[in-house]
N, C-alpha and C. Protein backbone atom coordinates (compact mmCIF):
# COMPACT_ATOMS: atom_id res chain seq x y z
N UNK A 1 -21.01 -0.20 -0.73
CA UNK A 1 -19.84 0.57 -1.11
C UNK A 1 -20.32 1.77 -1.93
N UNK A 2 -19.65 2.91 -1.62
CA UNK A 2 -19.87 4.17 -2.39
C UNK A 2 -19.24 4.02 -3.76
N UNK A 3 -20.15 3.85 -4.77
CA UNK A 3 -19.62 3.29 -6.04
C UNK A 3 -19.76 4.28 -7.14
N UNK A 4 -18.74 5.09 -7.38
CA UNK A 4 -18.72 6.03 -8.49
C UNK A 4 -17.46 5.86 -9.32
N UNK A 5 -17.53 5.83 -10.64
CA UNK A 5 -16.35 5.56 -11.43
C UNK A 5 -15.10 6.45 -11.16
N UNK A 6 -15.35 7.73 -10.85
CA UNK A 6 -14.17 8.59 -10.63
C UNK A 6 -13.55 8.40 -9.32
N UNK A 7 -14.10 7.55 -8.43
CA UNK A 7 -13.47 7.18 -7.17
C UNK A 7 -12.89 5.80 -7.21
N UNK A 8 -12.38 5.35 -8.36
CA UNK A 8 -11.79 4.02 -8.44
C UNK A 8 -10.29 4.05 -8.70
N UNK A 9 -9.66 3.05 -8.10
CA UNK A 9 -8.22 2.81 -8.43
C UNK A 9 -8.22 1.54 -9.32
N UNK A 10 -7.59 1.71 -10.49
CA UNK A 10 -7.60 0.56 -11.43
C UNK A 10 -6.35 -0.32 -11.49
N UNK A 11 -5.37 0.15 -10.75
CA UNK A 11 -4.11 -0.56 -10.69
C UNK A 11 -4.17 -1.65 -9.60
N UNK A 12 -4.25 -2.91 -10.03
CA UNK A 12 -4.35 -4.01 -9.08
C UNK A 12 -3.21 -4.13 -8.12
N UNK A 13 -2.00 -3.84 -8.58
CA UNK A 13 -0.84 -3.86 -7.72
C UNK A 13 -0.91 -2.85 -6.58
N UNK A 14 -1.42 -1.65 -6.93
CA UNK A 14 -1.63 -0.63 -5.91
C UNK A 14 -2.63 -1.03 -4.86
N UNK A 15 -3.70 -1.66 -5.31
CA UNK A 15 -4.74 -2.18 -4.45
C UNK A 15 -4.17 -3.29 -3.43
N UNK A 16 -3.39 -4.18 -4.04
CA UNK A 16 -2.82 -5.24 -3.19
C UNK A 16 -1.81 -4.64 -2.20
N UNK A 17 -1.07 -3.64 -2.60
CA UNK A 17 -0.09 -2.97 -1.76
C UNK A 17 -0.82 -2.30 -0.59
N UNK A 18 -1.96 -1.65 -0.90
CA UNK A 18 -2.78 -1.03 0.14
C UNK A 18 -3.24 -2.06 1.15
N UNK A 19 -3.72 -3.22 0.63
CA UNK A 19 -4.20 -4.30 1.56
C UNK A 19 -3.08 -4.77 2.49
N UNK A 20 -1.86 -4.93 1.92
CA UNK A 20 -0.75 -5.36 2.72
C UNK A 20 -0.30 -4.32 3.76
N UNK A 21 -0.47 -3.05 3.40
CA UNK A 21 -0.08 -1.98 4.29
C UNK A 21 -1.13 -1.74 5.42
N UNK A 22 -2.35 -2.27 5.27
CA UNK A 22 -3.44 -2.14 6.21
C UNK A 22 -3.98 -3.46 6.58
N UNK A 23 -3.21 -4.34 7.27
CA UNK A 23 -3.63 -5.74 7.36
C UNK A 23 -4.63 -6.04 8.51
N UNK A 24 -4.95 -5.00 9.31
CA UNK A 24 -5.95 -5.23 10.42
C UNK A 24 -7.32 -4.94 9.76
N UNK A 25 -8.05 -6.03 9.50
CA UNK A 25 -9.30 -5.92 8.69
C UNK A 25 -10.54 -6.15 9.52
N UNK A 26 -11.66 -5.83 8.91
CA UNK A 26 -12.93 -6.16 9.48
C UNK A 26 -13.52 -7.35 8.66
N UNK A 27 -13.80 -8.46 9.34
CA UNK A 27 -14.45 -9.59 8.67
C UNK A 27 -15.90 -9.48 8.92
N UNK A 28 -16.70 -9.41 7.87
CA UNK A 28 -18.11 -9.26 8.02
C UNK A 28 -18.87 -10.49 7.46
N UNK A 29 -19.76 -11.03 8.26
CA UNK A 29 -20.52 -12.19 7.81
C UNK A 29 -21.93 -12.14 8.38
N UNK A 30 -22.75 -13.13 8.08
CA UNK A 30 -24.15 -13.15 8.42
C UNK A 30 -24.58 -14.58 8.77
N UNK A 31 -25.24 -14.76 9.94
CA UNK A 31 -25.55 -16.14 10.28
C UNK A 31 -26.84 -16.60 9.61
N UNK A 32 -27.30 -17.82 9.91
CA UNK A 32 -28.48 -18.35 9.24
C UNK A 32 -29.78 -17.57 9.51
N UNK A 33 -29.76 -16.81 10.60
CA UNK A 33 -30.95 -15.99 10.93
C UNK A 33 -30.77 -14.57 10.41
N UNK A 34 -29.77 -14.36 9.53
CA UNK A 34 -29.44 -13.09 8.95
C UNK A 34 -28.99 -12.01 9.89
N UNK A 35 -28.46 -12.53 11.05
CA UNK A 35 -27.83 -11.60 11.98
C UNK A 35 -26.39 -11.30 11.61
N UNK A 36 -26.00 -10.08 11.45
CA UNK A 36 -24.63 -9.76 11.10
C UNK A 36 -23.64 -10.15 12.21
N UNK A 37 -22.43 -10.57 11.86
CA UNK A 37 -21.36 -10.75 12.84
C UNK A 37 -20.11 -10.07 12.21
N UNK A 38 -19.41 -9.31 13.09
CA UNK A 38 -18.23 -8.62 12.58
C UNK A 38 -17.12 -8.83 13.58
N UNK A 39 -15.93 -9.12 13.09
CA UNK A 39 -14.79 -9.18 13.96
C UNK A 39 -13.55 -8.58 13.25
N UNK A 40 -12.60 -8.08 14.09
CA UNK A 40 -11.41 -7.45 13.57
C UNK A 40 -10.17 -8.28 13.79
N UNK A 41 -9.46 -8.56 12.79
CA UNK A 41 -8.26 -9.50 12.89
C UNK A 41 -7.17 -9.03 11.95
N UNK A 42 -5.88 -9.36 12.30
CA UNK A 42 -4.82 -9.12 11.32
C UNK A 42 -4.80 -10.26 10.33
N UNK A 43 -4.41 -9.90 9.10
CA UNK A 43 -4.43 -11.00 8.08
C UNK A 43 -3.05 -10.92 7.24
N UNK A 44 -2.79 -12.00 6.54
CA UNK A 44 -1.75 -11.99 5.57
C UNK A 44 -2.38 -12.05 4.21
N UNK A 45 -1.76 -11.33 3.20
CA UNK A 45 -2.21 -11.33 1.83
C UNK A 45 -1.17 -12.03 1.01
N UNK A 46 -1.57 -13.06 0.23
CA UNK A 46 -0.68 -13.76 -0.71
C UNK A 46 -1.33 -13.77 -2.08
N UNK A 47 -0.45 -13.83 -3.13
CA UNK A 47 -0.93 -14.02 -4.50
C UNK A 47 -0.42 -15.36 -4.94
N UNK A 48 -1.41 -16.19 -5.36
CA UNK A 48 -1.08 -17.58 -5.90
C UNK A 48 -1.80 -17.71 -7.22
N UNK A 49 -1.01 -17.98 -8.30
CA UNK A 49 -1.56 -18.21 -9.59
C UNK A 49 -2.59 -17.13 -10.00
N UNK A 50 -2.22 -15.85 -9.81
CA UNK A 50 -3.07 -14.74 -10.13
C UNK A 50 -4.31 -14.52 -9.26
N UNK A 51 -4.38 -15.34 -8.17
CA UNK A 51 -5.52 -15.20 -7.19
C UNK A 51 -4.95 -14.60 -5.90
N UNK A 52 -5.84 -13.77 -5.29
CA UNK A 52 -5.51 -13.16 -4.01
C UNK A 52 -6.07 -14.05 -2.88
N UNK A 53 -5.14 -14.44 -1.97
CA UNK A 53 -5.57 -15.29 -0.83
C UNK A 53 -5.38 -14.53 0.48
N UNK A 54 -6.41 -14.50 1.28
CA UNK A 54 -6.35 -13.82 2.62
C UNK A 54 -6.36 -14.91 3.72
N UNK A 55 -5.39 -14.96 4.55
CA UNK A 55 -5.40 -15.87 5.69
C UNK A 55 -5.30 -15.19 7.04
N UNK A 56 -5.85 -15.80 8.04
CA UNK A 56 -5.83 -15.33 9.40
C UNK A 56 -6.43 -16.34 10.38
N UNK A 57 -6.77 -15.93 11.56
CA UNK A 57 -7.40 -16.88 12.50
C UNK A 57 -8.34 -16.14 13.40
N UNK A 58 -9.37 -16.88 13.93
CA UNK A 58 -10.31 -16.36 14.88
C UNK A 58 -10.38 -17.26 16.13
N UNK A 59 -10.94 -16.79 17.17
CA UNK A 59 -11.08 -17.62 18.37
C UNK A 59 -12.07 -18.72 18.17
N UNK A 60 -11.89 -19.89 18.59
CA UNK A 60 -12.85 -20.92 18.54
C UNK A 60 -14.00 -20.63 19.50
N UNK A 61 -15.14 -21.23 19.18
CA UNK A 61 -16.39 -21.05 20.07
C UNK A 61 -16.82 -19.57 20.18
N UNK A 62 -16.36 -18.77 19.29
CA UNK A 62 -16.81 -17.32 19.33
C UNK A 62 -18.09 -17.21 18.42
N UNK A 63 -18.80 -16.10 18.57
CA UNK A 63 -20.00 -15.93 17.75
C UNK A 63 -19.66 -15.88 16.27
N UNK A 64 -18.49 -15.26 15.99
CA UNK A 64 -18.12 -15.18 14.54
C UNK A 64 -17.70 -16.51 13.97
N UNK A 65 -17.02 -17.37 14.80
CA UNK A 65 -16.69 -18.68 14.26
C UNK A 65 -17.98 -19.41 13.86
N UNK A 66 -18.96 -19.37 14.77
CA UNK A 66 -20.24 -20.01 14.51
C UNK A 66 -20.96 -19.46 13.30
N UNK A 67 -20.93 -18.12 13.19
CA UNK A 67 -21.57 -17.44 12.06
C UNK A 67 -20.95 -17.85 10.74
N UNK A 68 -19.58 -17.80 10.71
CA UNK A 68 -18.83 -18.11 9.45
C UNK A 68 -19.00 -19.62 9.06
N UNK A 69 -19.24 -20.40 10.10
CA UNK A 69 -19.49 -21.87 9.87
C UNK A 69 -20.81 -22.06 9.22
N UNK A 70 -21.84 -21.32 9.69
CA UNK A 70 -23.23 -21.41 9.16
C UNK A 70 -23.27 -20.78 7.74
N UNK A 71 -22.51 -19.78 7.51
CA UNK A 71 -22.53 -19.12 6.17
C UNK A 71 -21.13 -18.63 5.90
N UNK A 72 -20.48 -19.33 4.93
CA UNK A 72 -19.04 -18.99 4.71
C UNK A 72 -18.83 -17.78 3.81
N UNK A 73 -19.85 -17.10 3.41
CA UNK A 73 -19.75 -15.85 2.53
C UNK A 73 -19.21 -14.69 3.40
N UNK A 74 -18.08 -14.20 3.01
CA UNK A 74 -17.38 -13.24 3.81
C UNK A 74 -17.07 -11.93 3.00
N UNK A 75 -17.20 -10.79 3.71
CA UNK A 75 -16.74 -9.53 3.16
C UNK A 75 -15.55 -9.13 4.07
N UNK A 76 -14.41 -8.85 3.45
CA UNK A 76 -13.24 -8.36 4.20
C UNK A 76 -13.05 -6.91 3.82
N UNK A 77 -13.08 -6.10 4.83
CA UNK A 77 -12.91 -4.63 4.63
C UNK A 77 -11.61 -4.11 5.10
N UNK A 78 -10.84 -3.54 4.13
CA UNK A 78 -9.53 -2.86 4.41
C UNK A 78 -9.74 -1.44 4.39
N UNK A 79 -9.33 -0.70 5.42
CA UNK A 79 -9.43 0.72 5.38
C UNK A 79 -8.29 1.42 6.06
N UNK A 80 -8.18 2.70 5.91
CA UNK A 80 -7.04 3.42 6.55
C UNK A 80 -7.45 4.71 7.04
N UNK A 81 -6.55 5.71 6.92
CA UNK A 81 -6.78 7.08 7.41
C UNK A 81 -7.97 7.63 6.66
N UNK A 82 -8.71 8.57 7.30
CA UNK A 82 -9.80 9.29 6.70
C UNK A 82 -9.73 10.71 7.24
N UNK A 83 -10.38 11.59 6.52
CA UNK A 83 -10.30 13.05 6.88
C UNK A 83 -11.52 13.83 6.48
N UNK A 84 -11.89 14.69 7.35
CA UNK A 84 -13.03 15.58 7.10
C UNK A 84 -12.56 16.67 6.10
N UNK A 85 -13.37 16.94 5.11
CA UNK A 85 -12.94 17.97 4.07
C UNK A 85 -14.07 19.05 4.12
N UNK A 86 -13.74 20.19 4.55
CA UNK A 86 -14.73 21.28 4.70
C UNK A 86 -15.12 21.85 3.33
N UNK A 87 -16.43 22.16 3.17
CA UNK A 87 -16.88 22.76 1.97
C UNK A 87 -16.31 24.17 1.72
N UNK A 88 -15.83 24.77 2.87
CA UNK A 88 -15.25 26.10 2.75
C UNK A 88 -13.91 26.10 2.06
N UNK A 89 -13.29 24.94 1.82
CA UNK A 89 -12.03 24.83 1.18
C UNK A 89 -12.10 24.82 -0.38
N UNK A 90 -13.33 24.69 -0.89
CA UNK A 90 -13.44 24.65 -2.31
C UNK A 90 -13.33 25.99 -2.93
N UNK A 91 -12.68 26.08 -4.08
CA UNK A 91 -12.61 27.32 -4.82
C UNK A 91 -13.95 27.71 -5.37
N UNK A 92 -14.23 29.06 -5.65
CA UNK A 92 -15.46 29.42 -6.33
C UNK A 92 -16.59 29.49 -5.28
N UNK A 93 -17.57 28.67 -5.39
CA UNK A 93 -18.72 28.76 -4.47
C UNK A 93 -18.50 28.10 -3.12
N UNK A 94 -18.42 28.82 -2.05
CA UNK A 94 -18.20 28.19 -0.76
C UNK A 94 -19.40 27.48 -0.12
N UNK A 95 -20.57 27.74 -0.73
CA UNK A 95 -21.82 27.15 -0.20
C UNK A 95 -22.01 25.75 -0.71
N UNK A 96 -21.15 24.89 -0.30
CA UNK A 96 -21.23 23.46 -0.72
C UNK A 96 -21.09 22.58 0.53
N UNK A 97 -21.65 21.41 0.40
CA UNK A 97 -21.62 20.42 1.54
C UNK A 97 -20.18 19.96 1.78
N UNK A 98 -19.91 19.73 3.06
CA UNK A 98 -18.58 19.14 3.39
C UNK A 98 -18.63 17.61 3.08
N UNK A 99 -17.51 16.98 3.21
CA UNK A 99 -17.43 15.54 2.90
C UNK A 99 -16.33 14.91 3.71
N UNK A 100 -16.13 13.58 3.46
CA UNK A 100 -14.98 12.85 4.05
C UNK A 100 -14.23 12.20 2.96
N UNK A 101 -12.89 12.21 3.07
CA UNK A 101 -12.04 11.51 2.13
C UNK A 101 -11.48 10.28 2.82
N UNK A 102 -11.41 9.19 2.08
CA UNK A 102 -10.94 7.91 2.60
C UNK A 102 -10.70 6.92 1.56
N UNK A 103 -10.05 5.78 1.87
CA UNK A 103 -9.95 4.62 1.00
C UNK A 103 -10.53 3.46 1.63
N UNK A 104 -11.25 2.61 0.91
CA UNK A 104 -11.69 1.36 1.42
C UNK A 104 -11.60 0.30 0.31
N UNK A 105 -11.15 -0.92 0.66
CA UNK A 105 -11.09 -2.04 -0.28
C UNK A 105 -12.01 -3.09 0.26
N UNK A 106 -12.96 -3.55 -0.58
CA UNK A 106 -13.85 -4.66 -0.18
C UNK A 106 -13.45 -5.88 -0.94
N UNK A 107 -13.09 -6.97 -0.15
CA UNK A 107 -12.78 -8.26 -0.81
C UNK A 107 -13.86 -9.27 -0.38
N UNK A 108 -14.44 -9.98 -1.28
CA UNK A 108 -15.37 -11.05 -0.97
C UNK A 108 -14.91 -12.38 -1.37
N UNK A 109 -15.34 -13.33 -0.59
CA UNK A 109 -14.97 -14.74 -0.94
C UNK A 109 -15.64 -15.69 0.09
N UNK A 110 -15.30 -16.95 -0.01
CA UNK A 110 -15.82 -17.93 1.00
C UNK A 110 -14.75 -18.34 1.95
N UNK A 111 -15.14 -18.45 3.21
CA UNK A 111 -14.19 -18.84 4.24
C UNK A 111 -14.01 -20.31 4.26
N UNK A 112 -12.75 -20.78 4.20
CA UNK A 112 -12.45 -22.18 4.37
C UNK A 112 -11.59 -22.33 5.58
N UNK A 113 -11.94 -23.35 6.45
CA UNK A 113 -11.16 -23.51 7.65
C UNK A 113 -9.94 -24.34 7.45
N UNK A 114 -8.88 -24.01 8.11
CA UNK A 114 -7.62 -24.74 7.99
C UNK A 114 -7.52 -25.92 8.94
N UNK A 115 -6.73 -26.90 8.53
CA UNK A 115 -6.32 -27.96 9.49
C UNK A 115 -5.29 -27.40 10.44
N UNK A 116 -5.05 -28.16 11.52
CA UNK A 116 -4.15 -27.67 12.52
C UNK A 116 -2.71 -27.45 12.05
N UNK A 117 -2.25 -28.32 11.15
CA UNK A 117 -0.83 -28.07 10.64
C UNK A 117 -0.77 -26.85 9.77
N UNK A 118 -1.87 -26.50 9.07
CA UNK A 118 -1.85 -25.25 8.24
C UNK A 118 -1.91 -24.03 9.20
N UNK A 119 -2.62 -24.18 10.31
CA UNK A 119 -2.70 -23.10 11.25
C UNK A 119 -1.37 -22.84 11.92
N UNK A 120 -0.63 -23.89 12.21
CA UNK A 120 0.73 -23.71 12.78
C UNK A 120 1.61 -22.96 11.85
N UNK A 121 1.52 -23.42 10.51
CA UNK A 121 2.32 -22.67 9.49
C UNK A 121 1.91 -21.21 9.38
N UNK A 122 0.63 -20.93 9.49
CA UNK A 122 0.11 -19.60 9.47
C UNK A 122 0.68 -18.82 10.66
N UNK A 123 0.62 -19.39 11.81
CA UNK A 123 1.10 -18.73 13.09
C UNK A 123 2.59 -18.34 12.90
N UNK A 124 3.36 -19.27 12.34
CA UNK A 124 4.77 -19.03 12.07
C UNK A 124 4.95 -17.83 11.18
N UNK A 125 4.21 -17.84 10.09
CA UNK A 125 4.32 -16.69 9.16
C UNK A 125 3.84 -15.40 9.70
N UNK A 126 2.68 -15.43 10.37
CA UNK A 126 2.11 -14.19 10.92
C UNK A 126 3.02 -13.50 11.91
N UNK A 127 3.51 -14.36 12.90
CA UNK A 127 4.34 -13.74 13.98
C UNK A 127 5.64 -13.20 13.40
N UNK A 128 6.26 -13.96 12.45
CA UNK A 128 7.50 -13.48 11.85
C UNK A 128 7.24 -12.20 11.05
N UNK A 129 6.21 -12.21 10.26
CA UNK A 129 5.89 -11.08 9.43
C UNK A 129 5.73 -9.81 10.28
N UNK A 130 4.94 -9.80 11.36
CA UNK A 130 4.66 -8.65 12.13
C UNK A 130 5.82 -8.27 13.12
N UNK A 131 6.76 -9.24 13.26
CA UNK A 131 7.97 -8.97 14.07
C UNK A 131 9.08 -8.60 13.06
N UNK A 132 8.71 -8.22 11.85
CA UNK A 132 9.72 -7.80 10.87
C UNK A 132 10.86 -8.83 10.63
N UNK A 133 10.38 -10.08 10.56
CA UNK A 133 11.35 -11.21 10.30
C UNK A 133 12.49 -11.37 11.32
N UNK A 134 12.21 -10.90 12.56
CA UNK A 134 13.15 -11.04 13.59
C UNK A 134 13.08 -12.43 14.28
N UNK A 135 13.96 -13.32 13.81
CA UNK A 135 13.87 -14.77 14.26
C UNK A 135 14.20 -14.91 15.73
N UNK A 136 14.89 -13.87 16.31
CA UNK A 136 15.27 -13.96 17.71
C UNK A 136 14.15 -13.48 18.67
N UNK A 137 13.05 -12.90 18.09
CA UNK A 137 12.02 -12.39 18.95
C UNK A 137 11.34 -13.43 19.80
N UNK A 138 11.08 -13.10 21.04
CA UNK A 138 10.54 -14.07 22.01
C UNK A 138 9.03 -14.40 21.69
N UNK A 139 8.42 -13.60 20.80
CA UNK A 139 6.99 -13.80 20.60
C UNK A 139 6.65 -14.54 19.33
N UNK A 140 7.76 -14.84 18.49
CA UNK A 140 7.45 -15.62 17.31
C UNK A 140 7.11 -17.01 17.66
N UNK A 141 6.31 -17.70 16.87
CA UNK A 141 5.73 -19.02 17.19
C UNK A 141 6.76 -20.01 17.59
N UNK A 142 7.89 -20.10 16.86
CA UNK A 142 8.88 -21.13 17.14
C UNK A 142 9.56 -20.94 18.55
N UNK A 143 9.54 -19.71 19.00
CA UNK A 143 10.25 -19.44 20.29
C UNK A 143 9.28 -19.46 21.53
N UNK A 144 8.03 -19.77 21.30
CA UNK A 144 7.06 -19.88 22.40
C UNK A 144 7.19 -21.19 23.16
N UNK A 145 6.94 -21.24 24.45
CA UNK A 145 6.97 -22.51 25.18
C UNK A 145 6.05 -23.58 24.65
N UNK A 146 6.39 -24.77 24.66
CA UNK A 146 5.59 -25.86 23.96
C UNK A 146 4.20 -25.97 24.56
N UNK A 147 4.08 -25.99 25.84
CA UNK A 147 2.72 -26.16 26.42
C UNK A 147 1.83 -24.99 26.11
N UNK A 148 2.46 -23.78 26.04
CA UNK A 148 1.71 -22.58 25.67
C UNK A 148 1.20 -22.70 24.27
N UNK A 149 2.08 -23.17 23.39
CA UNK A 149 1.71 -23.36 21.96
C UNK A 149 0.57 -24.35 21.80
N UNK A 150 0.60 -25.41 22.50
CA UNK A 150 -0.42 -26.46 22.43
C UNK A 150 -1.80 -25.92 22.83
N UNK A 151 -1.83 -25.07 23.90
CA UNK A 151 -3.09 -24.43 24.34
C UNK A 151 -3.57 -23.41 23.30
N UNK A 152 -2.61 -22.67 22.74
CA UNK A 152 -2.94 -21.63 21.78
C UNK A 152 -3.60 -22.22 20.55
N UNK A 153 -3.01 -23.30 20.00
CA UNK A 153 -3.51 -23.90 18.77
C UNK A 153 -4.90 -24.53 18.99
N UNK A 154 -5.17 -24.95 20.21
CA UNK A 154 -6.50 -25.50 20.54
C UNK A 154 -7.61 -24.45 20.62
N UNK A 155 -7.17 -23.21 20.93
CA UNK A 155 -8.10 -22.09 21.20
C UNK A 155 -8.51 -21.31 19.98
N UNK A 156 -7.74 -21.51 18.87
CA UNK A 156 -8.06 -20.72 17.68
C UNK A 156 -8.21 -21.61 16.47
N UNK A 157 -8.75 -21.01 15.42
CA UNK A 157 -8.94 -21.75 14.17
C UNK A 157 -8.54 -20.85 13.00
N UNK A 158 -7.76 -21.45 12.11
CA UNK A 158 -7.20 -20.65 10.96
C UNK A 158 -8.22 -20.69 9.78
N UNK A 159 -8.15 -19.62 8.99
CA UNK A 159 -9.06 -19.60 7.81
C UNK A 159 -8.28 -19.06 6.57
N UNK A 160 -8.86 -19.40 5.45
CA UNK A 160 -8.35 -18.99 4.19
C UNK A 160 -9.48 -18.51 3.29
N UNK A 161 -9.33 -17.35 2.69
CA UNK A 161 -10.37 -16.81 1.79
C UNK A 161 -9.79 -16.51 0.43
N UNK A 162 -10.27 -17.17 -0.60
CA UNK A 162 -9.84 -16.84 -1.92
C UNK A 162 -10.72 -15.76 -2.39
N UNK A 163 -10.13 -14.65 -2.79
CA UNK A 163 -10.95 -13.45 -3.13
C UNK A 163 -11.62 -13.69 -4.51
N UNK A 164 -12.96 -13.62 -4.53
CA UNK A 164 -13.66 -13.89 -5.79
C UNK A 164 -14.20 -12.51 -6.36
N UNK A 165 -14.26 -11.50 -5.48
CA UNK A 165 -14.68 -10.17 -5.92
C UNK A 165 -13.84 -9.15 -5.16
N UNK A 166 -13.32 -8.13 -5.94
CA UNK A 166 -12.48 -7.11 -5.31
C UNK A 166 -13.00 -5.81 -5.76
N UNK A 167 -13.36 -4.91 -4.81
CA UNK A 167 -13.87 -3.60 -5.18
C UNK A 167 -13.22 -2.54 -4.32
N UNK A 168 -13.18 -1.32 -4.77
CA UNK A 168 -12.52 -0.28 -3.98
C UNK A 168 -13.15 1.10 -4.16
N UNK A 169 -13.02 1.88 -3.15
CA UNK A 169 -13.32 3.30 -3.28
C UNK A 169 -12.15 4.10 -2.77
N UNK A 170 -11.60 4.93 -3.67
CA UNK A 170 -10.52 5.90 -3.36
C UNK A 170 -11.17 7.26 -3.41
N UNK A 171 -11.78 7.71 -2.33
CA UNK A 171 -12.53 8.96 -2.37
C UNK A 171 -11.59 10.11 -1.92
N UNK A 172 -10.92 10.73 -2.90
CA UNK A 172 -9.86 11.71 -2.59
C UNK A 172 -10.01 12.93 -3.50
N UNK A 173 -11.25 13.46 -3.50
CA UNK A 173 -11.53 14.74 -4.18
C UNK A 173 -11.19 14.77 -5.63
N UNK A 174 -11.28 13.62 -6.35
CA UNK A 174 -11.03 13.59 -7.76
C UNK A 174 -12.04 14.37 -8.55
N UNK A 175 -13.21 14.66 -7.95
CA UNK A 175 -14.24 15.36 -8.69
C UNK A 175 -14.11 16.87 -8.63
N UNK A 176 -13.11 17.38 -7.93
CA UNK A 176 -12.92 18.83 -7.74
C UNK A 176 -12.03 19.45 -8.76
N UNK A 177 -12.17 20.78 -8.94
CA UNK A 177 -11.28 21.47 -9.86
C UNK A 177 -9.87 21.51 -9.21
N UNK A 178 -8.90 21.84 -10.02
CA UNK A 178 -7.45 21.73 -9.56
C UNK A 178 -7.20 22.73 -8.40
N UNK A 179 -7.79 23.93 -8.45
CA UNK A 179 -7.58 24.94 -7.44
C UNK A 179 -8.08 24.44 -6.03
N UNK A 180 -9.33 23.85 -6.09
CA UNK A 180 -9.92 23.30 -4.91
C UNK A 180 -9.06 22.10 -4.39
N UNK A 181 -8.64 21.23 -5.28
CA UNK A 181 -7.83 20.07 -4.95
C UNK A 181 -6.57 20.49 -4.18
N UNK A 182 -5.89 21.52 -4.78
CA UNK A 182 -4.63 22.02 -4.15
C UNK A 182 -4.91 22.54 -2.73
N UNK A 183 -6.00 23.28 -2.66
CA UNK A 183 -6.42 23.91 -1.36
C UNK A 183 -6.70 22.87 -0.30
N UNK A 184 -7.37 21.81 -0.72
CA UNK A 184 -7.68 20.69 0.15
C UNK A 184 -6.37 20.06 0.72
N UNK A 185 -5.43 19.80 -0.25
CA UNK A 185 -4.16 19.20 0.07
C UNK A 185 -3.43 20.11 1.10
N UNK A 186 -3.41 21.44 0.87
CA UNK A 186 -2.77 22.40 1.81
C UNK A 186 -3.39 22.35 3.16
N UNK A 187 -4.73 22.40 3.26
CA UNK A 187 -5.43 22.32 4.51
C UNK A 187 -5.14 21.06 5.31
N UNK A 188 -5.19 19.94 4.58
CA UNK A 188 -5.03 18.63 5.26
C UNK A 188 -3.58 18.45 5.74
N UNK A 189 -2.64 18.96 4.94
CA UNK A 189 -1.16 18.77 5.31
C UNK A 189 -0.85 19.64 6.54
N UNK A 190 -1.65 20.57 6.86
CA UNK A 190 -1.40 21.41 8.09
C UNK A 190 -1.84 20.65 9.33
N UNK A 191 -2.61 19.62 9.14
CA UNK A 191 -3.17 18.92 10.25
C UNK A 191 -2.18 17.83 10.76
N UNK A 192 -2.54 17.23 11.94
CA UNK A 192 -1.72 16.17 12.42
C UNK A 192 -2.36 14.85 12.04
N UNK A 193 -1.63 13.76 12.11
CA UNK A 193 -2.16 12.43 11.98
C UNK A 193 -2.85 12.14 10.67
N UNK A 194 -4.12 11.69 10.75
CA UNK A 194 -4.80 11.16 9.65
C UNK A 194 -5.05 12.18 8.50
N UNK A 195 -5.37 13.39 8.91
CA UNK A 195 -5.60 14.45 7.90
C UNK A 195 -4.36 14.62 7.05
N UNK A 196 -3.21 14.73 7.70
CA UNK A 196 -1.95 14.90 7.07
C UNK A 196 -1.63 13.72 6.10
N UNK A 197 -1.97 12.49 6.58
CA UNK A 197 -1.71 11.31 5.73
C UNK A 197 -2.51 11.32 4.46
N UNK A 198 -3.84 11.77 4.57
CA UNK A 198 -4.70 11.89 3.36
C UNK A 198 -4.16 13.00 2.46
N UNK A 199 -3.74 14.07 3.02
CA UNK A 199 -3.15 15.22 2.27
C UNK A 199 -1.91 14.81 1.51
N UNK A 200 -1.05 14.04 2.13
CA UNK A 200 0.20 13.58 1.46
C UNK A 200 -0.17 12.65 0.29
N UNK A 201 -1.16 11.79 0.56
CA UNK A 201 -1.59 10.77 -0.45
C UNK A 201 -2.17 11.50 -1.67
N UNK A 202 -3.03 12.45 -1.42
CA UNK A 202 -3.63 13.26 -2.49
C UNK A 202 -2.52 13.99 -3.31
N UNK A 203 -1.51 14.47 -2.60
CA UNK A 203 -0.43 15.19 -3.30
C UNK A 203 0.28 14.18 -4.25
N UNK A 204 0.53 12.97 -3.79
CA UNK A 204 1.20 11.91 -4.58
C UNK A 204 0.38 11.57 -5.75
N UNK A 205 -0.91 11.58 -5.63
CA UNK A 205 -1.83 11.12 -6.68
C UNK A 205 -2.23 12.22 -7.70
N UNK A 206 -1.75 13.44 -7.36
CA UNK A 206 -2.31 14.52 -8.17
C UNK A 206 -2.10 14.38 -9.70
N UNK A 207 -0.94 13.94 -10.10
CA UNK A 207 -0.67 13.82 -11.53
C UNK A 207 -1.59 12.85 -12.21
N UNK A 208 -2.15 11.90 -11.46
CA UNK A 208 -3.10 11.00 -12.04
C UNK A 208 -4.51 11.63 -12.27
N UNK A 209 -4.79 12.56 -11.34
CA UNK A 209 -6.10 13.24 -11.40
C UNK A 209 -6.15 14.31 -12.47
N UNK A 210 -5.00 15.08 -12.56
CA UNK A 210 -4.90 16.20 -13.53
C UNK A 210 -3.76 15.87 -14.47
N UNK A 211 -4.13 15.39 -15.61
CA UNK A 211 -3.07 14.74 -16.49
C UNK A 211 -2.14 15.65 -17.19
N UNK A 212 -2.36 16.98 -17.02
CA UNK A 212 -1.48 17.86 -17.81
C UNK A 212 -0.10 18.04 -17.15
N UNK A 213 0.14 17.43 -15.95
CA UNK A 213 1.44 17.58 -15.36
C UNK A 213 2.39 16.57 -15.85
């Protein structure tokens, strides 16, 4: 992780909110031969007794299931939009290196496998959550055909990770002077998609970066 104090978000609620808004994560592990394994899955984030719990499922008999079984130490990476920031946008000296702005949350913990009844409960919650609590949807767990559900539950395995370490990088030009910061926001907001998203976010956070407002 790119680890500098001025690129940190200290508000835990904001960090958890970011995790919930970007639930398609990268699960990173390492097998007994130190070979990395990475998979991408949607997850749910819950808070229980002040602890953050991440739940999801992976395919059975996959390389990552085997890896996570051999070594339960997991890194979960949450990330979102990112944007190229040109050195030409800085006020004053234009002869500076360009950079990228982005946010990443790193959550570490040990993977614990679920029993089948917990997996079924997770599938209920997951499908309802991503279908915006629409109980009439044909794709939510309770509305799937029974034989289909039986096959599905046999093909996947649920996991739970209690977060033991949480770290973040909010790299959003906090190290720049105010004029440069404003210019970067203007340039990014003129773009489409991810650049615009980062520009809007920087605009929202400006009063935190420059306290005189």
